[in-house]
Amino acid sequence: MSAKQYVQHLLNFIDESPSPWHAVATVESAIRAFQFARLDETVKWQLQAGGRYYVVRDDSSIVLFVLGHTTPSESGFKIVGAHTDSPGFRIRPNAATVSNGIARVGVEIYGGPILATFTDRDLSLAGRISYTDEQGRLSHKLVRIDQSLLRLPNLAIHLNRGVNEDGLKLHKQNELFLLLAQLTAGQLPPQPYFVALLAQLAEIEAEQILAWDLAVYDTQKGAFWGANQEFYANSQIDNLASCHAGLQALLDEDVLNSAESTLVCAFFDHEEIGSRSHIGAAGSFLTDVLQRVSIATSSDRDAMSCASANSFLISADMAHAFHPNFASAYEADHSVIVNHGPAIKFNANRRYSSESISTARFIRWCKEADVPYQRYSHRSDLPCGSTIGPIASAKLGIRSVDIGCPMWAMHSIRESAGVQDHEYLIKVLKRFFND
């Protein structure tokens, strides 16, 4: 595929994945034609050399792996890690209230979104509903409302005269309620009204619904932009673009058919809130999977330790592209430019996992793939974000490098990045898997 075709595929991937639960379902759909077998964590695994497998934990984290022609204890694991979640709003349990006849939906802030970007957007809901089925068993299903359902209207400038000078400031408790409906006499109260909407969507009775995990998403589709269509915009580019790149690299036919090492893609939920959960990078998920693969492929009790010593993790997460309107926000000698290749991310305090040896190895793969690369370091007077890299590397005892494609407006509901960079990332990840 061309760079633009890869990005169109990415935009479709994001549009089909309005929540972390949908992102995993989209990955499952993508691998269906490649003979990946789903493994159950509750039973013993029987694995075959060259086999293709995947494991899902709690619907929003997934680990895929292709067994190499040599065992992990001999040649290790080659891992690409990324995350399925993005900052935004999540719906509260007692969701709906009413004010002057307007039904509103209460939200909690998930992670660190740019709150102002959620105003005046065509918003809706996607996620997971837990319910009691007809046989009385607990069950759950994915739900998505495609139509524009919710809105966070701005306050008119006539009532907020300083907004352009002081910036839009939204009170996190009082001013983030999303407007849902105008209730009239005889309609259900707001909370039953909201539950009835979910029940209609899920094609179950309202009385069956027990709980939900619902994210707010922007219904606007992804798009190319720029005079030469060299940029693209969508929600959740951080970090579904990295998930997509890792998946495309793994599904390349040359990669699938010639793997010596065991190849792994690990896509985690909860990175944006610290990764500390049973499905996050700080949990046991990836460790459990890799240990079970080692046990299934070797009777040696030191197999996992040998595998870890031979392994490498690329933590793929988006990077801050230089913004010409805000040049002072960047460390002058380490600005990275859109469409100039993936950035290797450095931080002396280990907010990123890159160090000299892991960096040198990534640079070598870039050169072998004919991919340009850049180096990113954060300003010392600004707090630096982090990734799954340091967390997973420490937990697994595996060398790691942190990299990512440059992007603008990270954590906005509408982010932007460069078309060419996405192809660059896929190319170097293919080379990593094929090394």
Protein backbone atom coordinates (compact mmCIF):
# COMPACT_ATOMS: atom_id res chain seq x y z
CA MET A 1 0.00 0.00 0.00
CA SER A 2 1.01 3.64 -0.49
CA ALA A 3 1.41 5.99 2.49
CA LYS A 4 -2.02 7.48 1.82
CA GLN A 5 -3.63 4.04 1.56
CA TYR A 6 -2.09 3.03 4.88
CA VAL A 7 -3.53 6.15 6.50
CA GLN A 8 -6.97 5.65 4.95
CA HIS A 9 -6.87 2.16 6.46
CA LEU A 10 -5.88 3.76 9.77
CA LEU A 11 -8.72 6.28 9.61
CA ASN A 12 -11.18 3.44 9.03
CA PHE A 13 -9.61 1.55 11.95
CA ILE A 14 -10.10 4.53 14.27
CA ASP A 15 -13.63 5.23 13.04
CA GLU A 16 -14.55 1.61 13.81
CA SER A 17 -13.02 1.90 17.30
CA PRO A 18 -14.79 4.64 19.30
CA SER A 19 -13.86 3.00 22.63
CA PRO A 20 -11.09 0.70 23.92
CA TRP A 21 -13.55 -2.20 23.87
CA HIS A 22 -14.34 -1.53 20.22
CA ALA A 23 -10.62 -1.16 19.41
CA VAL A 24 -9.97 -4.73 20.54
CA ALA A 25 -12.99 -5.95 18.57
CA THR A 26 -11.61 -4.16 15.50
CA VAL A 27 -8.25 -5.89 15.95
CA GLU A 28 -10.03 -9.24 16.26
CA SER A 29 -11.91 -8.55 13.05
CA ALA A 30 -8.68 -7.61 11.25
CA ILE A 31 -6.87 -10.83 12.19
CA ARG A 32 -9.76 -13.15 11.35
CA ALA A 33 -8.46 -13.81 7.84
CA PHE A 34 -4.94 -14.62 9.12
CA GLN A 35 -5.78 -17.82 11.03
CA PHE A 36 -5.16 -16.48 14.54
CA ALA A 37 -6.65 -18.74 17.20
CA ARG A 38 -8.13 -17.20 20.35
CA LEU A 39 -6.76 -18.66 23.58
CA ASP A 40 -8.71 -18.94 26.84
CA GLU A 41 -6.79 -17.94 29.97
CA THR A 42 -8.81 -20.41 32.07
CA VAL A 43 -7.56 -23.55 30.29
CA LYS A 44 -4.20 -25.12 29.48
CA TRP A 45 -2.67 -23.97 26.19
CA GLN A 46 -1.52 -26.29 23.43
CA LEU A 47 0.71 -24.31 21.07
CA GLN A 48 2.21 -25.32 17.73
CA ALA A 49 5.45 -24.02 16.20
CA GLY A 50 4.60 -21.28 13.72
CA GLY A 51 1.13 -20.94 15.23
CA ARG A 52 -0.74 -17.65 15.42
CA TYR A 53 -2.61 -16.87 18.63
CA TYR A 54 -4.20 -14.08 20.63
CA VAL A 55 -5.54 -13.48 24.12
CA VAL A 56 -8.11 -10.87 25.20
CA ARG A 57 -8.44 -9.77 28.81
CA ASP A 58 -11.57 -7.91 29.90
CA ASP A 59 -12.46 -6.92 26.33
CA SER A 60 -10.16 -3.87 26.09
CA SER A 61 -6.60 -5.30 26.20
CA ILE A 62 -5.22 -7.81 23.69
CA VAL A 63 -1.95 -9.68 23.15
CA LEU A 64 -1.26 -11.28 19.75
CA PHE A 65 1.69 -13.53 19.06
CA VAL A 66 3.19 -15.62 16.30
CA LEU A 67 5.39 -18.50 17.46
CA GLY A 68 8.75 -18.45 15.72
CA HIS A 69 10.67 -21.33 14.24
CA THR A 70 12.92 -21.26 17.30
CA THR A 71 11.71 -21.28 20.90
CA PRO A 72 11.53 -18.07 22.94
CA SER A 73 14.27 -19.36 25.23
CA GLU A 74 16.58 -19.49 22.18
CA SER A 75 15.67 -16.27 20.38
CA GLY A 76 13.41 -14.31 22.72
CA PHE A 77 10.30 -12.25 22.11
CA LYS A 78 10.08 -9.26 19.78
CA ILE A 79 7.35 -7.08 21.23
CA VAL A 80 5.55 -3.98 20.00
CA GLY A 81 3.55 -2.39 22.80
CA ALA A 82 0.90 0.34 22.52
CA HIS A 83 -2.36 1.31 24.19
CA THR A 84 -6.03 1.21 23.22
CA ASP A 85 -7.37 4.00 25.44
CA SER A 86 -7.49 7.76 24.89
CA PRO A 87 -8.30 10.66 27.24
CA GLY A 88 -11.88 11.87 27.33
CA PHE A 89 -15.13 11.53 29.23
CA ARG A 90 -16.74 8.46 30.81
CA ILE A 91 -20.41 8.27 31.80
CA ARG A 92 -21.24 8.20 35.52
CA PRO A 93 -23.33 5.33 37.01
CA ASN A 94 -26.23 7.63 37.94
CA ALA A 95 -25.91 9.35 34.61
CA ALA A 96 -28.87 11.58 33.88
CA THR A 97 -30.26 14.64 35.62
CA VAL A 98 -32.65 17.41 34.57
CA SER A 99 -32.37 21.19 34.72
CA ASN A 100 -35.21 23.42 33.49
CA GLY A 101 -36.55 20.55 31.39
CA ILE A 102 -33.17 19.74 29.77
CA ALA A 103 -31.88 16.23 30.43
CA ARG A 104 -28.13 16.19 31.02
CA VAL A 105 -25.64 13.35 31.29
CA GLY A 106 -22.97 13.47 33.98
CA VAL A 107 -19.39 12.53 33.12
CA GLU A 108 -16.08 11.86 34.81
CA ILE A 109 -12.83 12.95 33.20
CA TYR A 110 -10.72 10.01 32.02
CA GLY A 111 -7.01 10.78 31.80
CA GLY A 112 -5.89 14.24 30.70
CA PRO A 113 -8.00 15.50 27.78
CA ILE A 114 -7.97 19.09 26.49
CA LEU A 115 -11.43 19.85 27.86
CA ALA A 116 -12.18 22.86 25.66
CA THR A 117 -11.92 20.72 22.51
CA PHE A 118 -15.01 18.76 23.55
CA THR A 119 -17.26 21.82 23.24
CA ASP A 120 -19.54 22.26 20.22
CA ARG A 121 -18.79 18.77 18.85
CA ASP A 122 -21.22 16.10 17.63
CA LEU A 123 -20.77 13.64 20.50
CA SER A 124 -22.17 10.20 21.15
CA LEU A 125 -21.63 7.08 23.28
CA ALA A 126 -19.79 3.78 22.81
CA GLY A 127 -18.65 1.05 25.14
CA ARG A 128 -19.93 -1.98 26.99
CA ILE A 129 -23.15 -2.85 28.81
CA SER A 130 -23.42 -5.58 31.45
CA TYR A 131 -26.84 -7.17 31.82
CA THR A 132 -28.84 -10.26 32.80
CA ASP A 133 -29.79 -12.40 29.81
CA GLU A 134 -33.00 -14.38 29.30
CA GLN A 135 -31.55 -17.36 31.18
CA GLY A 136 -30.61 -15.22 34.17
CA ARG A 137 -26.88 -15.29 33.41
CA LEU A 138 -24.62 -12.28 33.61
CA SER A 139 -23.58 -11.17 30.15
CA HIS A 140 -22.19 -8.13 28.34
CA LYS A 141 -22.16 -6.66 24.86
CA LEU A 142 -20.63 -3.80 22.93
CA VAL A 143 -22.86 -0.85 22.17
CA ARG A 144 -22.43 2.19 19.96
CA ILE A 145 -24.77 5.05 19.14
CA ASP A 146 -23.81 6.23 15.65
CA GLN A 147 -25.97 9.36 15.60
CA SER A 148 -25.00 12.64 17.26
CA LEU A 149 -26.60 12.26 20.69
CA LEU A 150 -24.87 14.65 23.10
CA ARG A 151 -23.39 18.13 23.07
CA LEU A 152 -21.39 20.47 25.29
CA PRO A 153 -22.39 23.90 23.97
CA ASN A 154 -20.06 26.82 24.61
CA LEU A 155 -21.24 29.78 26.62
CA ALA A 156 -21.83 32.75 24.29
CA ILE A 157 -19.08 35.35 24.24
CA HIS A 158 -21.64 37.96 25.39
CA LEU A 159 -21.80 36.03 28.70
CA ASN A 160 -18.08 35.22 28.86
CA ARG A 161 -16.36 38.38 27.61
CA GLY A 162 -12.84 37.33 28.58
CA VAL A 163 -12.81 33.96 26.84
CA ASN A 164 -10.47 35.02 24.02
CA GLU A 165 -8.01 36.68 26.39
CA ASP A 166 -8.14 34.18 29.26
CA GLY A 167 -8.93 30.96 27.39
CA LEU A 168 -11.93 28.70 27.84
CA LYS A 169 -12.00 27.34 31.38
CA LEU A 170 -14.56 24.69 32.29
CA HIS A 171 -15.33 23.78 35.90
CA LYS A 172 -14.73 20.03 36.07
CA GLN A 173 -17.64 19.37 38.43
CA ASN A 174 -20.28 21.87 37.36
CA GLU A 175 -19.78 22.68 33.66
CA LEU A 176 -19.13 19.38 31.86
CA PHE A 177 -22.65 17.93 31.86
CA LEU A 178 -23.58 16.91 28.31
CA LEU A 179 -26.98 17.98 27.01
CA LEU A 180 -29.11 15.00 25.98
CA ALA A 181 -32.79 15.88 25.44
CA GLN A 182 -35.61 18.28 26.13
CA LEU A 183 -38.04 16.38 28.33
CA THR A 184 -41.75 17.03 28.09
CA ALA A 185 -44.63 16.20 30.39
CA GLY A 186 -45.39 12.48 30.51
CA GLN A 187 -41.90 11.35 29.54
CA LEU A 188 -39.78 9.18 31.80
CA PRO A 189 -37.58 10.89 34.40
CA PRO A 190 -34.04 11.52 33.12
CA GLN A 191 -32.28 8.41 34.48
CA PRO A 192 -34.93 5.90 33.31
CA TYR A 193 -35.07 7.82 30.01
CA PHE A 194 -31.33 7.35 29.57
CA VAL A 195 -31.45 3.64 30.49
CA ALA A 196 -34.32 3.13 28.05
CA LEU A 197 -32.17 4.61 25.28
CA LEU A 198 -29.39 2.14 26.08
CA ALA A 199 -31.83 -0.76 26.24
CA GLN A 200 -33.26 0.12 22.83
CA LEU A 201 -29.76 0.26 21.39
CA ALA A 202 -28.72 -3.05 22.95
CA GLU A 203 -32.03 -4.73 22.03
CA ILE A 204 -32.70 -5.81 25.59
CA GLU A 205 -35.15 -4.73 28.29
CA ALA A 206 -34.23 -1.80 30.50
CA GLU A 207 -34.71 -3.99 33.59
CA GLN A 208 -31.93 -6.30 32.38
CA ILE A 209 -29.23 -3.58 32.42
CA LEU A 210 -27.02 -3.76 35.50
CA ALA A 211 -24.00 -1.54 34.71
CA TRP A 212 -22.03 0.07 31.90
CA ASP A 213 -18.62 1.27 30.77
CA LEU A 214 -19.39 4.06 28.31
CA ALA A 215 -17.03 6.49 26.64
CA VAL A 216 -17.97 9.75 24.94
CA TYR A 217 -16.70 9.96 21.35
CA ASP A 218 -16.77 12.38 18.43
CA THR A 219 -18.94 11.15 15.55
CA GLN A 220 -16.96 13.13 12.94
CA LYS A 221 -14.98 10.76 10.72
CA GLY A 222 -11.27 10.99 10.11
CA ALA A 223 -10.02 13.04 7.17
CA PHE A 224 -6.96 14.09 5.18
CA TRP A 225 -6.06 17.78 5.16
CA GLY A 226 -3.37 20.16 3.91
CA ALA A 227 -2.64 21.63 0.49
CA ASN A 228 -1.17 18.32 -0.61
CA GLN A 229 -3.28 16.16 1.70
CA GLU A 230 -0.08 15.41 3.60
CA PHE A 231 -1.73 15.49 7.04
CA TYR A 232 -4.62 13.61 8.61
CA ALA A 233 -6.97 14.30 11.51
CA ASN A 234 -9.13 12.13 13.75
CA SER A 235 -9.84 11.40 17.37
CA GLN A 236 -7.74 8.84 19.27
CA ILE A 237 -4.67 9.09 17.02
CA ASP A 238 -2.91 8.84 20.38
CA ASN A 239 -2.59 5.92 20.46
CA LEU A 240 -4.65 3.90 17.98
CA ALA A 241 -2.23 4.96 15.24
CA SER A 242 0.54 3.03 17.01
CA CYS A 243 -1.74 0.01 17.52
CA HIS A 244 -2.59 0.07 13.83
CA ALA A 245 1.07 0.35 12.78
CA GLY A 246 2.09 -2.56 14.99
CA LEU A 247 -0.77 -4.68 13.70
CA GLN A 248 0.01 -3.90 10.04
CA ALA A 249 3.65 -4.83 10.58
CA LEU A 250 2.74 -8.12 12.26
CA LEU A 251 0.24 -9.08 9.54
CA ASP A 252 2.71 -8.57 6.71
CA GLU A 253 3.01 -11.90 4.87
CA ASP A 254 6.81 -11.85 4.88
CA VAL A 255 6.79 -11.28 8.63
CA LEU A 256 4.21 -13.97 9.34
CA ASN A 257 5.90 -16.63 7.23
CA SER A 258 9.54 -16.10 8.19
CA ALA A 259 9.54 -15.41 11.92
CA GLU A 260 12.47 -16.93 13.79
CA SER A 261 11.69 -15.23 17.10
CA THR A 262 8.24 -15.19 18.66
CA LEU A 263 6.57 -11.94 17.55
CA VAL A 264 4.19 -10.11 19.87
CA CYS A 265 1.82 -7.15 19.71
CA ALA A 266 0.54 -6.09 23.13
CA PHE A 267 -2.15 -3.41 23.19
CA PHE A 268 -3.18 -2.31 26.70
CA ASP A 269 -6.05 -0.34 28.16
CA HIS A 270 -5.60 2.16 31.02
CA GLU A 271 -2.29 3.71 29.89
CA GLU A 272 -3.80 7.19 30.13
CA ILE A 273 -4.56 6.70 33.83
CA GLY A 274 -1.28 5.07 34.88
CA SER A 275 -1.57 1.46 33.62
CA ARG A 276 -2.14 0.09 37.13
CA SER A 277 -4.89 -2.45 36.58
CA HIS A 278 -5.21 -6.14 35.83
CA ILE A 279 -5.37 -5.30 32.12
CA GLY A 280 -2.86 -2.44 32.08
CA ALA A 281 0.85 -2.60 31.33
CA ALA A 282 1.60 -2.54 35.06
CA GLY A 283 -0.58 -5.61 35.59
CA SER A 284 0.23 -9.25 34.96
CA PHE A 285 -1.35 -9.64 31.52
CA LEU A 286 1.71 -9.61 29.27
CA THR A 287 3.86 -11.40 31.85
CA ASP A 288 1.25 -14.14 32.14
CA VAL A 289 1.06 -14.60 28.38
CA LEU A 290 4.82 -14.71 27.84
CA GLN A 291 5.35 -17.09 30.75
CA ARG A 292 2.69 -19.47 29.44
CA VAL A 293 4.24 -19.38 25.96
CA SER A 294 7.63 -20.22 27.51
CA ILE A 295 6.17 -23.09 29.52
CA ALA A 296 4.32 -24.45 26.48
CA THR A 297 7.43 -24.40 24.29
CA SER A 298 10.12 -25.56 26.74
CA SER A 299 10.40 -27.86 29.75
CA ASP A 300 13.40 -25.90 31.07
CA ARG A 301 12.49 -23.97 34.23
CA ASP A 302 14.88 -21.20 33.17
CA ALA A 303 13.12 -20.80 29.81
CA MET A 304 11.36 -17.53 30.68
CA SER A 305 14.52 -15.96 32.11
CA CYS A 306 16.45 -16.91 28.99
CA ALA A 307 13.65 -15.58 26.79
CA SER A 308 13.54 -12.24 28.63
CA ALA A 309 17.30 -11.81 28.28
CA ASN A 310 16.96 -12.35 24.51
CA SER A 311 13.92 -10.10 24.08
CA PHE A 312 13.26 -6.52 23.01
CA LEU A 313 10.28 -4.20 23.46
CA ILE A 314 9.40 -1.27 21.22
CA SER A 315 7.03 0.99 23.13
CA ALA A 316 5.15 2.83 20.38
CA ASP A 317 3.32 5.95 21.47
CA MET A 318 2.82 9.26 19.72
CA ALA A 319 5.30 12.15 20.08
CA HIS A 320 4.91 15.93 20.28
CA ALA A 321 5.48 17.50 16.86
CA PHE A 322 6.93 20.99 16.64
CA HIS A 323 4.13 23.57 16.37
CA PRO A 324 5.35 26.74 14.60
CA ASN A 325 2.86 28.94 16.48
CA PHE A 326 4.25 27.83 19.86
CA ALA A 327 7.99 27.47 19.26
CA SER A 328 8.84 28.31 22.89
CA ALA A 329 7.05 25.16 24.12
CA TYR A 330 9.82 22.92 22.76
CA GLU A 331 13.40 22.09 23.68
CA ALA A 332 15.15 23.96 20.89
CA ASP A 333 17.66 21.25 20.00
CA HIS A 334 15.16 18.37 20.07
CA SER A 335 12.11 19.51 18.11
CA VAL A 336 10.65 16.84 15.86
CA ILE A 337 8.88 17.60 12.58
CA VAL A 338 5.79 16.02 11.09
CA ASN A 339 6.51 13.71 8.11
CA HIS A 340 10.23 13.47 8.98
CA GLY A 341 10.11 10.00 10.53
CA PRO A 342 9.45 8.44 13.94
CA ALA A 343 10.89 10.14 17.02
CA ILE A 344 13.05 8.29 19.56
CA LYS A 345 11.99 9.67 22.94
CA PHE A 346 14.50 10.35 25.73
CA ASN A 347 14.14 11.28 29.39
CA ALA A 348 16.94 11.07 31.97
CA ASN A 349 14.40 10.28 34.71
CA ARG A 350 13.10 7.22 32.85
CA ARG A 351 9.74 8.63 31.87
CA TYR A 352 10.72 6.99 28.59
CA SER A 353 12.61 3.68 28.43
CA SER A 354 15.13 4.61 25.70
CA GLU A 355 18.83 4.34 26.50
CA SER A 356 21.93 4.21 24.34
CA ILE A 357 21.88 0.50 23.45
CA SER A 358 18.15 0.29 22.73
CA THR A 359 18.38 3.55 20.77
CA ALA A 360 21.27 2.26 18.67
CA ARG A 361 19.33 -0.88 17.81
CA PHE A 362 16.28 1.13 16.74
CA ILE A 363 18.45 3.44 14.62
CA ARG A 364 19.93 0.40 12.90
CA TRP A 365 16.45 -0.91 12.05
CA CYS A 366 15.50 2.52 10.69
CA LYS A 367 18.57 2.60 8.46
CA GLU A 368 17.96 -0.93 7.22
CA ALA A 369 14.34 -0.02 6.41
CA ASP A 370 15.39 3.27 4.75
CA VAL A 371 13.34 5.21 7.30
CA PRO A 372 14.42 8.60 8.68
CA TYR A 373 14.35 9.07 12.44
CA GLN A 374 14.40 11.96 14.91
CA ARG A 375 15.29 12.46 18.57
CA TYR A 376 12.86 14.03 21.05
CA SER A 377 13.58 15.41 24.50
CA HIS A 378 11.12 17.43 26.60
CA ARG A 379 11.75 20.89 28.03
CA SER A 380 13.27 20.61 31.51
CA ASP A 381 10.85 23.16 32.97
CA LEU A 382 7.73 21.24 31.86
CA PRO A 383 6.48 17.94 33.33
CA CYS A 384 7.13 15.05 30.95
CA GLY A 385 4.48 12.50 30.11
CA SER A 386 5.22 8.79 30.14
CA THR A 387 4.30 5.58 28.31
CA ILE A 388 3.98 1.85 28.86
CA GLY A 389 7.69 1.53 28.03
CA PRO A 390 9.29 2.05 31.47
CA ILE A 391 6.47 0.12 33.18
CA ALA A 392 6.51 -2.96 30.94
CA SER A 393 10.30 -2.97 30.64
CA ALA A 394 10.73 -2.98 34.42
CA LYS A 395 8.05 -5.60 34.99
CA LEU A 396 9.38 -7.97 32.32
CA GLY A 397 13.11 -7.30 32.66
CA ILE A 398 13.29 -6.63 28.92
CA ARG A 399 15.30 -3.92 27.16
CA SER A 400 13.06 -1.28 25.57
CA VAL A 401 13.03 1.84 23.43
CA ASP A 402 10.30 4.49 23.35
CA ILE A 403 9.37 5.81 19.93
CA GLY A 404 6.41 7.42 18.20
CA CYS A 405 5.18 9.41 15.24
CA PRO A 406 5.06 13.20 15.69
CA MET A 407 1.58 14.68 16.08
CA TRP A 408 -0.21 17.92 16.91
CA ALA A 409 -2.87 18.57 19.55
CA MET A 410 -2.20 15.44 21.61
CA HIS A 411 -5.20 14.73 23.90
CA SER A 412 -7.52 16.96 21.87
CA ILE A 413 -10.72 15.34 20.67
CA ARG A 414 -9.42 16.11 17.16
CA GLU A 415 -5.72 15.33 16.73
CA SER A 416 -3.48 15.63 13.66
CA ALA A 417 -0.40 13.86 12.29
CA GLY A 418 1.59 13.31 9.09
CA VAL A 419 0.66 10.80 6.38
CA GLN A 420 4.22 9.81 5.54
CA ASP A 421 5.17 9.16 9.17
CA HIS A 422 2.63 6.37 9.51
CA GLU A 423 4.14 4.46 6.61
CA TYR A 424 7.62 5.08 8.03
CA LEU A 425 6.58 3.53 11.34
CA ILE A 426 5.06 0.46 9.71
CA LYS A 427 8.21 -0.07 7.65
CA VAL A 428 10.58 0.05 10.62
CA LEU A 429 8.34 -2.21 12.72
CA LYS A 430 8.35 -4.75 9.89
CA ARG A 431 12.13 -4.60 9.87
CA PHE A 432 12.19 -5.12 13.64
CA PHE A 433 10.00 -8.21 13.36
CA ASN A 434 12.11 -9.55 10.48
CA ASP A 435 15.50 -8.95 12.12
